[in-house]
C-alpha atoms as a PDB file:
ATOM      1  CA  UNK A   1       0.000   0.000   0.000  1.00  0.00           C
ATOM      2  CA  UNK A   2       2.849   2.394   0.734  1.00  0.00           C
ATOM      3  CA  UNK A   3       4.161   1.925  -2.804  1.00  0.00           C
ATOM      4  CA  UNK A   4       0.768   2.848  -4.252  1.00  0.00           C
ATOM      5  CA  UNK A   5       0.617   5.955  -2.058  1.00  0.00           C
ATOM      6  CA  UNK A   6       4.152   6.916  -3.102  1.00  0.00           C
ATOM      7  CA  UNK A   7       3.214   6.548  -6.761  1.00  0.00           C
ATOM      8  CA  UNK A   8       0.088   8.641  -6.299  1.00  0.00           C
ATOM      9  CA  UNK A   9       2.210  11.354  -4.705  1.00  0.00           C
ATOM     10  CA  UNK A  10       4.666  11.319  -7.597  1.00  0.00           C
ATOM     11  CA  UNK A  11       2.391  10.904 -10.586  1.00  0.00           C
ATOM     12  CA  UNK A  12      -0.900  12.435  -9.438  1.00  0.00           C
ATOM     13  CA  UNK A  13       0.611  15.208  -7.322  1.00  0.00           C
ATOM     14  CA  UNK A  14      -1.443  13.980  -4.374  1.00  0.00           C
ATOM     15  CA  UNK A  15      -0.124  14.930  -0.927  1.00  0.00           C
ATOM     16  CA  UNK A  16       1.191  11.807   0.793  1.00  0.00           C
ATOM     17  CA  UNK A  17      -1.247  11.967   3.740  1.00  0.00           C
ATOM     18  CA  UNK A  18      -4.153  12.157   1.274  1.00  0.00           C
ATOM     19  CA  UNK A  19      -2.718   9.315  -0.806  1.00  0.00           C
ATOM     20  CA  UNK A  20      -2.365   7.172   2.311  1.00  0.00           C
ATOM     21  CA  UNK A  21      -5.994   7.892   3.245  1.00  0.00           C
ATOM     22  CA  UNK A  22      -7.266   7.037  -0.230  1.00  0.00           C
ATOM     23  CA  UNK A  23      -8.824   3.597  -0.745  1.00  0.00           C
ATOM     24  CA  UNK A  24      -6.518   1.223  -2.603  1.00  0.00           C
ATOM     25  CA  UNK A  25      -9.174   0.611  -5.248  1.00  0.00           C
ATOM     26  CA  UNK A  26      -9.279   4.325  -6.131  1.00  0.00           C
ATOM     27  CA  UNK A  27      -5.515   4.452  -6.486  1.00  0.00           C
ATOM     28  CA  UNK A  28      -5.481   1.423  -8.739  1.00  0.00           C
ATOM     29  CA  UNK A  29      -8.220   2.932 -10.919  1.00  0.00           C
ATOM     30  CA  UNK A  30      -6.025   5.989 -11.471  1.00  0.00           C
ATOM     31  CA  UNK A  31      -3.139   3.889 -12.781  1.00  0.00           C
ATOM     32  CA  UNK A  32      -5.352   1.579 -14.832  1.00  0.00           C
ATOM     33  CA  UNK A  33      -7.191   4.328 -16.718  1.00  0.00           C
ATOM     34  CA  UNK A  34      -6.514   5.269 -20.347  1.00  0.00           C
ATOM     35  CA  UNK A  35      -5.283   8.834 -19.755  1.00  0.00           C
ATOM     36  CA  UNK A  36      -2.520   7.586 -17.462  1.00  0.00           C
ATOM     37  CA  UNK A  37      -1.539   4.962 -20.043  1.00  0.00           C
ATOM     38  CA  UNK A  38      -1.448   7.646 -22.729  1.00  0.00           C
ATOM     39  CA  UNK A  39       0.701   9.842 -20.492  1.00  0.00           C
ATOM     40  CA  UNK A  40       3.119   6.942 -19.926  1.00  0.00           C
ATOM     41  CA  UNK A  41       3.416   6.353 -23.679  1.00  0.00           C
ATOM     42  CA  UNK A  42       4.149  10.014 -24.335  1.00  0.00           C
ATOM     43  CA  UNK A  43       6.841  10.052 -21.618  1.00  0.00           C
ATOM     44  CA  UNK A  44       8.432   6.937 -23.140  1.00  0.00           C
ATOM     45  CA  UNK A  45       8.431   8.596 -26.562  1.00  0.00           C
ATOM     46  CA  UNK A  46      10.087  11.706 -25.112  1.00  0.00           C
ATOM     47  CA  UNK A  47      12.759   9.560 -23.462  1.00  0.00           C
ATOM     48  CA  UNK A  48      13.475   7.736 -26.737  1.00  0.00           C
ATOM     49  CA  UNK A  49      13.942  11.073 -28.490  1.00  0.00           C
ATOM     50  CA  UNK A  50      16.327  12.234 -25.759  1.00  0.00           C
ATOM     51  CA  UNK A  51      18.358   9.028 -26.010  1.00  0.00           C
ATOM     52  CA  UNK A  52      18.544   9.414 -29.788  1.00  0.00           C
ATOM     53  CA  UNK A  53      19.830  12.975 -29.452  1.00  0.00           C
ATOM     54  CA  UNK A  54      22.428  11.995 -26.858  1.00  0.00           C
ATOM     55  CA  UNK A  55      23.610   9.095 -29.026  1.00  0.00           C
ATOM     56  CA  UNK A  56      24.002  11.383 -32.030  1.00  0.00           C
ATOM     57  CA  UNK A  57      25.981  13.922 -30.016  1.00  0.00           C
ATOM     58  CA  UNK A  58      28.142  11.102 -28.682  1.00  0.00           C
ATOM     59  CA  UNK A  59      28.856   9.898 -32.240  1.00  0.00           C
ATOM     60  CA  UNK A  60      29.753  13.446 -33.317  1.00  0.00           C
ATOM     61  CA  UNK A  61      32.142  13.856 -30.409  1.00  0.00           C
ATOM     62  CA  UNK A  62      33.881  10.563 -31.245  1.00  0.00           C
ATOM     63  CA  UNK A  63      34.273  11.464 -34.921  1.00  0.00           C
END
């Protein structure tokens, strides 16, 4: 349960005391919904772009 509350604090900007008081079912619904999944996919895409840029800069520096 503490892990779920920690995740709610990080990803939903919920104060930790409120996240701890929230029913587990409500917290799970937040992470299982489509908007959160879409947000995760967009973050993954951003990270891939950042890795690609860093790799290109690394190749340029080695050349």
